[in-house]
Each structure stands twice: as structure tokens, then as C-alpha cells.
């Protein structure tokens, strides 16, 4: 390799590492949510019932260790104004397995391609009903069928449903930058990316609590690191 080219490549790699950032933390729920309920229609369905030996439970509130709240979208809401970011090349997968959507909550960047897959030997029909983006409604009749989709505009909590199996629901949040994460079963999250040091507004959004129940806070990334703790309240 040319010495000059090697030097430039080294500088580029160094800059990439220097700009790497990470925001980690946890979201907890204050209050007692209604208990999960068995979705009786799943077991009662002649096709879907055979996929499950036990009851399939609702997922409105999934609370783990130390009141950690799952399925919360945590994202940078402010501090990146005027900056443009390419949509990630990764294609997140939303699967239909056992007549349920997996994952229940996901997030993509506006303009990012995501995939919808049917892993069941049963026909599903995927209907998206966004308010700001263009919706879609199509059938997946073949096991293993995958369709690519894109939402162009930021929008929290786009609903996906199945017209054939009405209990099948999932939510996709569409963000304006690539700095976001969805909390795990214990409410923990990690946002990673080429995020420079600086001050940012970070928001935690839960589908059931909606925009009125979302919580924002100011954080500062120093040395590529920052932590944030959120408490969402069930009123």
C-alpha cells in the first residue's frame, strides 16, 4: 500500500474510534401495571394453537428485574439538529412466528429498510397503519416469505397488525437519526454509534403510555460515554 494512503487510512480509522459513543442505562416503571392476560384466541385457533403448549400472554407491559421496563424506545431527540446521517444498511427483521410478531417493539431510522418475514406454515396478512408514513397491506402466504419495507418519515409507534389473526400486533418506531435502542427484558439499553462528545436530549417512549407519558432528560457524552436512567410512571 502507498505510504500516504496508509497514513490517511490510519487517520480515518483513528477518527472513527474517536467519534464512537455509547449511552447506556435503564428504564424503570413506577406503578403497578395490569397483569398479563392469556390470549385465548391463539390456543383456540385451529392452525395457531398447535404452535403453543402453554398460554400465550399479552405484552402490553413487560416488567423485569427491579421494575425494569421492556419494550421502551430510547432515542436521541435533540442535539443533532442540522446534521444528516445515512440510514443504516442493516435490515432489522420482524418475524411472524407461532402467530405472533417478534419482536413486539422495534425501531428503525427513517429511510432504513426493514424486513417482514412469515416463518409460519399459515397465511398472514400484514397491515401497517401509520399517520405520517405511507401504509401497506399485503398477504404472506408462503412459509419463509420475506418482504422489504421502508418508512420515510420519523414517527413513533407505527402499528403492524394481521388481518387474519387480530391478536397479532407489533409496533415500529421510526427515528430521524441512527442513535436509538429498545430496552431488553430488564429495562436495560445501550445506544451505540459514531456519536461525538456533547450535550443531547434523550427520550424514553413506551407504546402504551404514549407521547404524554414519554420522559426526556439532558445528558452529556464525555470521552465517548454517558449514562441515563428513566422512570416512566403509570398513572
Protein backbone atom coordinates (compact mmCIF):
# COMPACT_ATOMS: atom_id res chain seq x y z
CA UNK A 1 0.00 0.00 0.00
CA UNK A 2 1.14 3.52 -0.77
CA UNK A 3 2.65 5.14 2.37
CA UNK A 4 0.48 8.24 2.02
CA UNK A 5 -2.64 6.14 1.52
CA UNK A 6 -1.77 4.04 4.56
CA UNK A 7 -1.32 7.18 6.63
CA UNK A 8 -4.66 8.57 5.53
CA UNK A 9 -6.36 5.25 6.26
CA UNK A 10 -4.87 5.24 9.75
CA UNK A 11 -6.12 8.76 10.38
CA UNK A 12 -9.60 7.82 9.20
CA UNK A 13 -9.68 4.80 11.49
CA UNK A 14 -8.48 6.90 14.40
CA UNK A 15 -11.19 9.48 13.76
CA UNK A 16 -13.81 6.76 13.63
CA UNK A 17 -12.75 5.42 17.02
CA UNK A 18 -12.57 8.92 18.46
CA UNK A 19 -16.15 9.59 17.41
CA UNK A 20 -17.51 6.32 18.76
CA UNK A 21 -20.02 6.97 21.52
CA UNK A 22 -22.15 4.95 23.87
CA UNK A 23 -25.15 5.88 26.00
CA UNK A 24 -26.28 3.16 28.37
CA UNK A 25 -28.81 2.94 31.15
CA UNK A 26 -32.10 1.58 32.36
CA UNK A 27 -35.79 2.40 32.21
CA UNK A 28 -37.98 1.53 35.20
CA UNK A 29 -41.73 1.62 35.69
CA UNK A 30 -43.34 3.39 38.63
CA UNK A 31 -46.73 1.96 39.46
CA UNK A 32 -48.37 -1.45 39.19
CA UNK A 33 -49.37 -2.43 35.67
CA UNK A 34 -52.31 -4.72 34.99
CA UNK A 35 -51.17 -8.35 34.92
CA UNK A 36 -50.51 -10.02 31.60
CA UNK A 37 -53.52 -11.91 30.25
CA UNK A 38 -53.63 -15.16 28.29
CA UNK A 39 -54.55 -14.54 24.66
CA UNK A 40 -57.19 -17.24 24.45
CA UNK A 41 -57.76 -16.77 20.72
CA UNK A 42 -54.29 -18.12 19.93
CA UNK A 43 -54.90 -21.51 21.53
CA UNK A 44 -58.44 -21.59 20.15
CA UNK A 45 -57.31 -21.11 16.56
CA UNK A 46 -57.10 -24.43 14.69
CA UNK A 47 -53.84 -23.50 12.97
CA UNK A 48 -52.10 -21.28 15.51
CA UNK A 49 -52.98 -23.26 18.62
CA UNK A 50 -50.77 -26.18 17.61
CA UNK A 51 -47.67 -23.97 17.83
CA UNK A 52 -48.04 -23.48 21.59
CA UNK A 53 -48.05 -25.91 24.51
CA UNK A 54 -48.72 -23.16 27.04
CA UNK A 55 -50.79 -19.98 27.08
CA UNK A 56 -49.55 -17.04 25.02
CA UNK A 57 -49.55 -13.93 27.18
CA UNK A 58 -50.22 -10.29 26.36
CA UNK A 59 -47.19 -7.99 26.21
CA UNK A 60 -48.60 -4.54 26.97
CA UNK A 61 -46.29 -4.12 29.98
CA UNK A 62 -43.30 -6.42 30.38
CA UNK A 63 -41.58 -5.72 33.70
CA UNK A 64 -38.36 -7.44 34.69
CA UNK A 65 -35.80 -7.24 37.46
CA UNK A 66 -36.02 -4.22 39.80
CA UNK A 67 -39.03 -2.81 37.91
CA UNK A 68 -37.08 -2.65 34.64
CA UNK A 69 -39.47 -1.96 31.77
CA UNK A 70 -39.02 -3.77 28.47
CA UNK A 71 -40.02 -2.56 25.01
CA UNK A 72 -39.21 1.11 25.59
CA UNK A 73 -37.73 3.04 22.66
CA UNK A 74 -34.87 5.24 23.88
CA UNK A 75 -33.50 7.72 21.35
CA UNK A 76 -31.65 10.99 20.91
CA UNK A 77 -34.33 13.62 20.45
CA UNK A 78 -32.22 16.78 20.49
CA UNK A 79 -28.64 17.92 19.98
CA UNK A 80 -28.17 16.72 16.40
CA UNK A 81 -30.12 19.45 14.62
CA UNK A 82 -28.76 20.33 11.19
CA UNK A 83 -26.80 17.10 10.92
CA UNK A 84 -27.59 14.44 8.35
CA UNK A 85 -26.97 10.73 8.79
CA UNK A 86 -27.15 7.93 6.23
CA UNK A 87 -29.69 5.25 7.00
CA UNK A 88 -28.06 2.09 8.42
CA UNK A 89 -27.50 -0.68 5.89
CA UNK A 90 -28.61 -3.34 8.36
CA UNK A 91 -32.11 -4.66 7.75
CA UNK A 92 -33.90 -5.37 11.06
CA UNK A 93 -36.18 -8.40 10.90
CA UNK A 94 -39.74 -8.52 12.17
CA UNK A 95 -40.84 -12.15 12.11
CA UNK A 96 -44.21 -13.85 12.37
CA UNK A 97 -43.63 -16.97 14.39
CA UNK A 98 -46.22 -19.01 16.21
CA UNK A 99 -48.82 -16.49 15.04
CA UNK A 100 -47.12 -13.72 16.99
CA UNK A 101 -44.90 -10.84 15.88
CA UNK A 102 -41.30 -10.99 17.08
CA UNK A 103 -40.11 -8.58 18.25
CA UNK A 104 -43.16 -6.89 19.69
CA UNK A 105 -41.44 -3.48 19.63
CA UNK A 106 -38.66 -2.43 17.28
CA UNK A 107 -37.11 0.73 15.88
CA UNK A 108 -35.60 1.80 12.58
CA UNK A 109 -34.27 5.02 11.11
CA UNK A 110 -36.31 6.90 8.52
CA UNK A 111 -35.20 5.56 5.15
CA UNK A 112 -33.84 2.32 6.61
CA UNK A 113 -35.03 -0.90 5.00
CA UNK A 114 -36.52 -3.48 7.36
CA UNK A 115 -37.78 -6.96 6.62
CA UNK A 116 -41.09 -8.64 7.34
CA UNK A 117 -40.98 -12.43 7.38
CA UNK A 118 -43.53 -15.22 7.75
CA UNK A 119 -41.97 -18.22 9.46
CA UNK A 120 -45.33 -19.98 9.89
CA UNK A 121 -46.93 -22.54 7.55
CA UNK A 122 -50.00 -20.32 7.84
CA UNK A 123 -51.04 -17.31 5.81
CA UNK A 124 -50.64 -13.93 7.49
CA UNK A 125 -51.67 -10.52 6.23
CA UNK A 126 -49.55 -7.56 7.33
CA UNK A 127 -51.28 -4.21 7.63
CA UNK A 128 -49.37 -1.06 8.67
CA UNK A 129 -51.42 1.95 9.73
CA UNK A 130 -49.05 4.90 10.18
CA UNK A 131 -50.24 8.50 10.46
CA UNK A 132 -47.30 10.20 8.75
CA UNK A 133 -45.87 7.48 6.53
CA UNK A 134 -47.39 5.51 3.69
CA UNK A 135 -49.21 2.43 4.94
CA UNK A 136 -49.30 -1.01 3.38
CA UNK A 137 -51.45 -4.11 3.42
CA UNK A 138 -50.34 -7.37 1.85
CA UNK A 139 -50.50 -11.12 2.37
CA UNK A 140 -47.68 -13.52 3.10
CA UNK A 141 -48.96 -16.95 2.16
CA UNK A 142 -45.67 -18.82 1.76
CA UNK A 143 -43.57 -20.02 4.73
CA UNK A 144 -40.26 -18.19 4.67
CA UNK A 145 -41.57 -15.30 2.58
CA UNK A 146 -39.72 -12.03 3.22
CA UNK A 147 -40.72 -8.56 2.08
CA UNK A 148 -38.64 -5.39 2.38
CA UNK A 149 -40.31 -2.18 3.54
CA UNK A 150 -39.22 1.39 4.29
CA UNK A 151 -40.79 4.26 6.22
CA UNK A 152 -39.53 7.66 5.08
CA UNK A 153 -40.64 9.95 7.91
CA UNK A 154 -39.95 9.92 11.67
CA UNK A 155 -42.96 8.55 13.53
CA UNK A 156 -43.27 6.87 16.91
CA UNK A 157 -45.22 3.66 17.34
CA UNK A 158 -46.38 2.64 13.89
CA UNK A 159 -48.80 -0.24 14.36
CA UNK A 160 -48.48 -3.53 12.48
CA UNK A 161 -51.41 -5.94 12.59
CA UNK A 162 -52.55 -9.13 10.93
CA UNK A 163 -55.95 -9.07 9.26
CA UNK A 164 -56.22 -12.85 9.55
CA UNK A 165 -55.28 -13.11 13.24
CA UNK A 166 -56.49 -9.97 15.04
CA UNK A 167 -54.43 -10.55 18.21
CA UNK A 168 -51.21 -10.21 16.20
CA UNK A 169 -49.89 -6.69 16.84
CA UNK A 170 -46.43 -5.12 16.82
CA UNK A 171 -45.05 -1.59 16.86
CA UNK A 172 -42.22 0.05 14.92
CA UNK A 173 -40.84 3.47 15.82
CA UNK A 174 -39.17 5.43 13.02
CA UNK A 175 -36.43 7.80 14.16
CA UNK A 176 -34.69 10.70 12.43
CA UNK A 177 -31.16 9.59 13.40
CA UNK A 178 -29.44 6.24 14.00
CA UNK A 179 -28.94 6.72 17.74
CA UNK A 180 -31.64 4.63 19.41
CA UNK A 181 -32.26 1.36 21.21
CA UNK A 182 -35.11 -0.73 22.61
CA UNK A 183 -34.92 -1.83 26.23
CA UNK A 184 -34.47 -5.52 26.99
CA UNK A 185 -36.49 -7.67 29.39
CA UNK A 186 -34.89 -5.95 32.39
CA UNK A 187 -35.26 -2.42 31.06
CA UNK A 188 -31.64 -2.01 30.03
CA UNK A 189 -30.46 -0.30 26.84
CA UNK A 190 -27.28 0.67 25.02
CA UNK A 191 -27.16 3.25 22.23
CA UNK A 192 -24.01 2.94 20.14
CA UNK A 193 -22.62 4.77 17.15
CA UNK A 194 -20.30 7.46 15.87
CA UNK A 195 -21.58 10.00 18.35
CA UNK A 196 -19.26 12.89 19.22
CA UNK A 197 -18.93 14.20 22.76
CA UNK A 198 -21.53 16.81 23.56
CA UNK A 199 -24.88 17.52 25.17
CA UNK A 200 -28.02 15.76 23.98
CA UNK A 201 -31.67 15.33 24.84
CA UNK A 202 -32.61 11.67 25.18
CA UNK A 203 -36.21 10.46 25.37
CA UNK A 204 -37.80 7.21 26.55
CA UNK A 205 -41.09 6.28 24.84
CA UNK A 206 -43.39 3.39 25.73
CA UNK A 207 -46.17 2.47 23.35
CA UNK A 208 -48.96 2.16 25.93
CA UNK A 209 -48.01 5.32 27.83
CA UNK A 210 -47.79 7.28 24.58
CA UNK A 211 -46.24 10.68 23.91
CA UNK A 212 -47.79 12.17 27.05
CA UNK A 213 -46.05 9.55 29.18
CA UNK A 214 -42.64 9.86 27.50
CA UNK A 215 -39.77 11.18 29.60
CA UNK A 216 -36.82 13.26 28.36
CA UNK A 217 -33.58 14.27 30.02
CA UNK A 218 -30.40 16.13 29.18
CA UNK A 219 -27.21 14.09 29.13
CA UNK A 220 -23.61 14.81 28.24
CA UNK A 221 -21.38 12.38 26.41
CA UNK A 222 -17.81 12.71 27.69
CA UNK A 223 -14.96 10.55 26.49
CA UNK A 224 -17.44 8.65 24.35
CA UNK A 225 -19.57 7.57 27.34
CA UNK A 226 -22.76 8.62 29.09
CA UNK A 227 -25.40 7.01 31.28
CA UNK A 228 -29.09 7.77 31.67
CA UNK A 229 -31.83 6.47 33.95
CA UNK A 230 -35.51 6.96 33.22
CA UNK A 231 -38.61 6.35 35.29
CA UNK A 232 -41.89 6.09 33.41
CA UNK A 233 -44.99 6.46 35.53
CA UNK A 234 -48.20 4.54 35.20
CA UNK A 235 -51.00 6.88 36.33
